[in-house]
Amino acid sequence: MAVPIVIDCDPGHDDALAIMLAAGDPGIDLLAVTTVAGNQTLEKTTFNALRVCTVAGITGVPVAAGCAQPLVEPLEVAEDVHGVSGIDGPRFPVPTVAAVPEHAVELLRRVLIGHPEPVTLVPTAPLTNIALLLTRYPEVAGRIKEIVLMGGSTERGNRTPAAEFNIHVDPEAADIVFRSGVPVTMCGLNVTHQALATPGVLARFEALDSELGWICVELLRYFAGTYRRLFGFSAPPVHDPVAVARVIDPRIVDCVDAHVAVELHGRHTRGATVVDLHGRLGLPANARVAVGLRTDLFWDRMVAAVAALGAARD
């Protein structure tokens, strides 16, 4: 049975692939897409979500814009990684879908209350919208099956030596989410760096010979260039779809239970996720933490989802 989810995102090259995976895989019932400022400004991330929905033929799924700023600090975008548009590389057509005139937090509340079963939230962006939802409407916590997020790391960061970008942008929001009591699964850099879009992966998208398949190739080629230049990666890690894949089939992403705290004050470590993998603090686990990825299963589902969407479009 398909799992009902809402993706909260800031497209972003890998967010685009996460949306496609959620829309194209039969294991997911995509109820809504909400956007937040992160990889680029809210105006740009929302426009990018609409562009992705247009090229992927995703209709009937409401898209709503959310928070334009983190809870405390000024917004820091990732233009060095994702470009001026937030999704540089492909040439997208003008969107044929529009955002709904509703704040993302209000749409999230409405979806959670109105759906007949608890809904899984999949944030692949700074957690501002989710934190605001939980603080403004605490009564909806019981309507959330779980929060499966892309963010954090058990090891190094990618925005600072200690902090992963999504958590770094709004650590106060992340702190609220991890302390909320809602079940949380964290898919951090330590596992998403295993999801490498190698030349063999790009060849699989090329072999689809569809407009959407070629857009994925262009997305990944641009992403490869920035990761090679900034981090020395031979192939780009595709972060955000890993969280969606965990929802589709938990066997794809291995997890362990651990206590996760978010560092809010460290001069060099603000935004770091402190993951107590060995129980040294004696605190109860508050998250499932991803530690391993079945890359074969992951890419099979990703390519199949793009194939399905492309076939429906063509």
Protein backbone atom coordinates (compact mmCIF):
# COMPACT_ATOMS: atom_id res chain seq x y z
CA MET A 1 0.00 0.00 0.00
CA ALA A 2 1.33 3.43 -0.95
CA VAL A 3 2.62 5.56 1.93
CA PRO A 4 1.04 9.05 2.07
CA ILE A 5 3.73 11.73 2.29
CA VAL A 6 4.36 15.44 1.97
CA ILE A 7 7.76 16.59 0.68
CA ASP A 8 9.06 19.83 2.23
CA CYS A 9 11.89 20.99 0.00
CA ASP A 10 14.11 23.77 -1.39
CA PRO A 11 14.85 22.69 -4.99
CA GLY A 12 17.85 22.21 -5.52
CA HIS A 13 19.11 19.55 -7.95
CA ASP A 14 18.72 16.64 -5.56
CA ASP A 15 15.35 17.94 -4.30
CA ALA A 16 14.18 17.77 -7.91
CA LEU A 17 15.08 14.08 -8.05
CA ALA A 18 13.41 13.50 -4.69
CA ILE A 19 10.16 14.97 -6.03
CA MET A 20 10.39 12.76 -9.11
CA LEU A 21 11.02 9.65 -7.02
CA ALA A 22 8.05 10.41 -4.79
CA ALA A 23 5.73 11.11 -7.71
CA GLY A 24 6.85 8.24 -9.90
CA ASP A 25 7.20 5.35 -7.45
CA PRO A 26 4.06 3.29 -6.74
CA GLY A 27 5.10 2.95 -3.09
CA ILE A 28 4.38 6.63 -2.44
CA ASP A 29 1.17 8.66 -2.42
CA LEU A 30 2.42 12.24 -2.81
CA LEU A 31 -0.16 14.47 -1.14
CA ALA A 32 1.58 17.85 -1.40
CA VAL A 33 4.88 19.65 -2.00
CA THR A 34 5.84 22.50 0.31
CA THR A 35 8.79 24.82 -0.15
CA VAL A 36 11.11 26.75 2.12
CA ALA A 37 14.10 29.05 1.72
CA GLY A 38 17.37 27.15 1.72
CA ASN A 39 19.35 26.30 -1.38
CA GLN A 40 17.98 29.55 -2.77
CA THR A 41 15.43 32.17 -1.77
CA LEU A 42 11.84 31.11 -1.21
CA GLU A 43 10.74 32.73 -4.48
CA LYS A 44 13.30 30.68 -6.41
CA THR A 45 12.78 27.36 -4.60
CA THR A 46 9.02 27.61 -5.11
CA PHE A 47 9.46 28.46 -8.80
CA ASN A 48 11.83 25.50 -9.12
CA ALA A 49 9.31 23.14 -7.54
CA LEU A 50 6.74 24.29 -10.08
CA ARG A 51 9.24 23.77 -12.91
CA VAL A 52 9.99 20.22 -11.72
CA CYS A 53 6.29 19.38 -11.42
CA THR A 54 5.72 20.72 -14.92
CA VAL A 55 8.46 18.70 -16.65
CA ALA A 56 7.58 15.58 -14.65
CA GLY A 57 3.86 15.86 -15.43
CA ILE A 58 2.93 16.09 -11.76
CA THR A 59 -0.58 17.53 -11.56
CA GLY A 60 -3.21 17.50 -8.84
CA VAL A 61 -0.54 17.81 -6.14
CA PRO A 62 -0.74 21.19 -4.36
CA VAL A 63 2.48 23.19 -4.07
CA ALA A 64 2.66 25.81 -1.31
CA ALA A 65 5.38 28.27 -0.35
CA GLY A 66 6.42 28.49 3.28
CA CYS A 67 9.02 30.34 5.33
CA ALA A 68 11.32 32.82 3.63
CA GLN A 69 13.79 33.07 6.54
CA PRO A 70 15.20 30.76 9.22
CA LEU A 71 13.84 31.16 12.76
CA VAL A 72 16.80 33.16 14.12
CA GLU A 73 19.70 33.83 11.74
CA PRO A 74 19.66 35.47 8.29
CA LEU A 75 19.24 33.13 5.32
CA GLU A 76 22.39 31.63 3.81
CA VAL A 77 21.80 30.11 0.37
CA ALA A 78 23.91 27.53 -1.49
CA GLU A 79 24.44 29.40 -4.75
CA ASP A 80 27.94 27.97 -4.98
CA VAL A 81 26.45 24.47 -5.21
CA HIS A 82 23.13 24.95 -7.02
CA GLY A 83 23.69 28.11 -9.03
CA VAL A 84 21.92 31.44 -9.31
CA SER A 85 18.54 29.85 -10.07
CA GLY A 86 18.94 27.13 -7.45
CA ILE A 87 18.64 24.50 -10.15
CA ASP A 88 21.11 25.56 -12.85
CA GLY A 89 21.85 23.29 -15.79
CA PRO A 90 18.70 22.17 -17.63
CA ARG A 91 16.55 24.48 -19.74
CA PHE A 92 13.12 24.22 -18.17
CA PRO A 93 9.89 25.25 -19.88
CA VAL A 94 7.66 27.89 -18.31
CA PRO A 95 5.71 26.21 -15.48
CA THR A 96 2.15 25.20 -16.30
CA VAL A 97 1.26 24.55 -12.67
CA ALA A 98 0.89 27.22 -10.00
CA ALA A 99 1.36 27.38 -6.25
CA VAL A 100 -1.75 27.44 -4.12
CA PRO A 101 -2.47 30.71 -2.25
CA GLU A 102 -1.83 29.15 1.14
CA HIS A 103 1.19 29.17 3.45
CA ALA A 104 2.99 25.83 3.54
CA VAL A 105 2.43 25.45 7.28
CA GLU A 106 -1.31 25.89 6.83
CA LEU A 107 -1.35 23.38 3.98
CA LEU A 108 0.62 20.90 6.09
CA ARG A 109 -1.87 21.29 8.93
CA ARG A 110 -4.83 20.85 6.60
CA VAL A 111 -3.36 17.75 4.96
CA LEU A 112 -2.50 16.15 8.30
CA ILE A 113 -5.91 16.80 9.83
CA GLY A 114 -7.85 15.86 6.72
CA HIS A 115 -6.12 12.64 5.73
CA PRO A 116 -7.71 9.42 7.01
CA GLU A 117 -4.39 8.01 8.21
CA PRO A 118 -1.21 9.49 9.68
CA VAL A 119 1.06 11.10 7.09
CA THR A 120 4.85 10.89 6.75
CA LEU A 121 6.67 14.20 6.34
CA VAL A 122 9.83 14.11 4.22
CA PRO A 123 11.81 17.35 4.67
CA THR A 124 14.79 17.63 2.33
CA ALA A 125 15.56 21.23 3.29
CA PRO A 126 16.07 23.42 6.35
CA LEU A 127 13.44 22.44 8.91
CA THR A 128 11.87 25.88 9.36
CA ASN A 129 8.42 24.93 8.07
CA ILE A 130 8.29 21.73 10.12
CA ALA A 131 9.39 23.44 13.32
CA LEU A 132 6.81 26.19 12.84
CA LEU A 133 4.12 23.58 12.24
CA LEU A 134 4.98 21.73 15.44
CA THR A 135 5.13 24.87 17.59
CA ARG A 136 2.10 26.64 16.14
CA TYR A 137 -0.11 23.53 15.92
CA PRO A 138 1.20 21.00 18.47
CA GLU A 139 -2.06 19.06 18.21
CA VAL A 140 -1.06 17.76 14.74
CA ALA A 141 1.95 15.83 16.09
CA GLY A 142 -0.24 12.77 16.55
CA ARG A 143 -1.23 12.94 12.87
CA ILE A 144 2.40 12.61 11.76
CA LYS A 145 3.43 8.99 11.26
CA GLU A 146 7.10 9.99 11.17
CA ILE A 147 9.49 12.63 9.91
CA VAL A 148 12.08 11.20 7.51
CA LEU A 149 14.53 13.99 6.83
CA MET A 150 17.63 14.57 4.79
CA GLY A 151 20.03 16.48 6.98
CA GLY A 152 22.85 16.22 9.46
CA SER A 153 25.65 13.70 9.59
CA THR A 154 27.27 11.23 11.96
CA GLU A 155 30.62 12.50 10.69
CA ARG A 156 31.68 15.64 8.82
CA GLY A 157 29.69 18.55 7.49
CA ASN A 158 29.47 20.08 4.04
CA ARG A 159 28.64 23.73 4.83
CA THR A 160 31.14 23.98 7.64
CA PRO A 161 33.60 21.30 8.74
CA ALA A 162 31.05 20.22 11.37
CA ALA A 163 27.61 21.10 9.95
CA GLU A 164 25.54 19.80 7.06
CA PHE A 165 23.79 22.53 5.04
CA ASN A 166 20.11 21.89 5.93
CA ILE A 167 20.79 21.85 9.66
CA HIS A 168 23.33 24.68 9.44
CA VAL A 169 20.82 27.04 7.82
CA ASP A 170 18.31 26.70 10.67
CA PRO A 171 19.70 24.77 13.65
CA GLU A 172 17.00 26.14 15.99
CA ALA A 173 14.34 24.57 13.78
CA ALA A 174 16.23 21.27 13.69
CA ASP A 175 16.52 21.32 17.49
CA ILE A 176 12.74 21.70 17.77
CA VAL A 177 12.15 18.76 15.42
CA PHE A 178 14.58 16.38 17.14
CA ARG A 179 13.15 17.24 20.57
CA SER A 180 9.50 17.07 19.43
CA GLY A 181 8.80 13.46 20.37
CA VAL A 182 7.61 12.73 16.82
CA PRO A 183 9.41 9.70 15.36
CA VAL A 184 12.38 11.00 13.33
CA THR A 185 14.63 9.25 10.84
CA MET A 186 17.78 11.17 9.88
CA CYS A 187 19.37 10.47 6.52
CA GLY A 188 22.64 12.38 6.80
CA LEU A 189 25.73 12.91 4.72
CA ASN A 190 27.33 9.73 6.00
CA VAL A 191 24.72 7.72 4.05
CA THR A 192 23.83 10.11 1.21
CA HIS A 193 27.48 10.26 0.18
CA GLN A 194 26.98 6.60 -0.77
CA ALA A 195 24.36 7.62 -3.38
CA LEU A 196 26.82 8.62 -6.09
CA ALA A 197 25.56 9.44 -9.58
CA THR A 198 28.38 7.65 -11.40
CA PRO A 199 28.80 7.61 -15.19
CA GLY A 200 26.99 4.27 -15.15
CA VAL A 201 24.00 5.87 -13.42
CA LEU A 202 23.92 8.72 -15.95
CA ALA A 203 23.98 6.14 -18.73
CA ARG A 204 20.83 4.56 -17.29
CA PHE A 205 19.01 7.90 -17.45
CA GLU A 206 20.32 8.48 -20.99
CA ALA A 207 19.03 5.05 -22.02
CA LEU A 208 15.47 6.09 -21.09
CA ASP A 209 15.65 8.41 -24.11
CA SER A 210 12.89 10.64 -22.73
CA GLU A 211 12.75 14.37 -22.15
CA LEU A 212 12.65 13.80 -18.39
CA GLY A 213 15.55 11.37 -18.52
CA TRP A 214 17.71 13.93 -20.33
CA ILE A 215 16.74 16.62 -17.81
CA CYS A 216 17.97 14.30 -15.05
CA VAL A 217 21.25 13.86 -16.93
CA GLU A 218 21.66 17.63 -17.24
CA LEU A 219 20.84 18.12 -13.55
CA LEU A 220 23.42 15.56 -12.52
CA ARG A 221 26.10 16.84 -14.89
CA TYR A 222 25.81 20.33 -13.41
CA PHE A 223 25.79 18.90 -9.88
CA ALA A 224 28.85 16.82 -10.74
CA GLY A 225 30.73 19.94 -11.77
CA THR A 226 30.10 21.78 -8.53
CA TYR A 227 30.91 18.76 -6.36
CA ARG A 228 34.12 18.16 -8.27
CA ARG A 229 35.14 21.80 -7.91
CA LEU A 230 34.13 22.31 -4.27
CA PHE A 231 34.71 18.90 -2.70
CA GLY A 232 36.83 16.87 -5.11
CA PHE A 233 34.13 14.21 -5.64
CA SER A 234 34.52 12.09 -8.78
CA ALA A 235 30.71 11.71 -8.93
CA PRO A 236 28.03 13.80 -7.20
CA PRO A 237 26.15 12.46 -4.16
CA VAL A 238 22.40 12.64 -4.62
CA HIS A 239 21.27 13.43 -1.08
CA ASP A 240 17.54 14.10 -0.93
CA PRO A 241 16.07 11.07 -2.73
CA VAL A 242 17.65 8.85 -0.09
CA ALA A 243 15.05 10.04 2.44
CA VAL A 244 12.24 9.22 0.00
CA ALA A 245 13.78 5.81 -0.69
CA ARG A 246 13.79 5.04 3.04
CA VAL A 247 10.03 5.59 3.07
CA ILE A 248 9.45 3.51 -0.05
CA ASP A 249 11.38 0.49 1.22
CA PRO A 250 13.19 0.56 4.60
CA ARG A 251 15.51 -2.18 3.33
CA ILE A 252 17.17 0.36 1.05
CA VAL A 253 18.48 2.44 3.97
CA ASP A 254 19.87 0.73 7.08
CA CYS A 255 19.33 2.63 10.34
CA VAL A 256 20.32 2.43 13.98
CA ASP A 257 18.63 4.04 16.99
CA ALA A 258 20.58 6.87 18.61
CA HIS A 259 20.24 10.13 20.49
CA VAL A 260 20.75 13.17 18.24
CA ALA A 261 21.35 16.67 19.58
CA VAL A 262 21.79 19.82 17.51
CA GLU A 263 24.62 22.15 18.46
CA LEU A 264 23.29 25.71 18.71
CA HIS A 265 26.15 27.70 20.23
CA GLY A 266 29.54 26.31 19.27
CA ARG A 267 31.86 28.79 17.59
CA HIS A 268 33.05 26.14 15.14
CA THR A 269 30.26 23.60 15.49
CA ARG A 270 26.94 25.51 15.30
CA GLY A 271 24.52 23.39 13.26
CA ALA A 272 26.34 20.11 13.87
CA THR A 273 24.31 17.00 14.66
CA VAL A 274 25.84 15.26 17.67
CA VAL A 275 24.96 11.60 17.16
CA ASP A 276 25.56 9.33 20.13
CA LEU A 277 26.06 6.07 18.25
CA HIS A 278 27.54 4.26 21.25
CA GLY A 279 25.21 5.49 24.00
CA ARG A 280 27.94 7.36 25.83
CA LEU A 281 25.56 10.05 27.11
CA GLY A 282 23.08 7.60 28.60
CA LEU A 283 20.19 9.41 26.93
CA PRO A 284 17.27 7.63 25.25
CA ALA A 285 17.33 7.42 21.48
CA ASN A 286 15.25 10.11 19.78
CA ALA A 287 15.94 9.18 16.16
CA ARG A 288 16.65 6.44 13.71
CA VAL A 289 19.94 7.33 12.09
CA ALA A 290 20.79 6.10 8.60
CA VAL A 291 24.15 4.35 8.35
CA GLY A 292 24.03 2.26 5.15
CA LEU A 293 22.56 2.37 1.65
CA ARG A 294 21.72 -0.43 -0.78
CA THR A 295 22.84 1.54 -3.79
CA ASP A 296 21.59 -1.06 -6.29
CA LEU A 297 18.04 -0.93 -4.93
CA PHE A 298 18.19 2.85 -4.58
CA TRP A 299 19.13 3.53 -8.19
CA ASP A 300 16.71 0.88 -9.48
CA ARG A 301 13.82 2.73 -7.81
CA MET A 302 15.09 6.16 -8.88
CA VAL A 303 15.50 5.24 -12.55
CA ALA A 304 12.20 3.34 -12.61
CA ALA A 305 10.36 6.35 -11.18
CA VAL A 306 11.79 8.68 -13.84
CA ALA A 307 10.95 6.10 -16.51
CA ALA A 308 7.36 5.91 -15.31
CA LEU A 309 6.94 9.67 -15.25
CA GLY A 310 8.58 10.05 -18.63
CA ALA A 311 6.39 7.38 -20.20
CA ALA A 312 3.28 9.06 -18.83
CA ARG A 313 4.44 12.38 -20.29
CA ASP A 314 5.43 10.99 -23.70
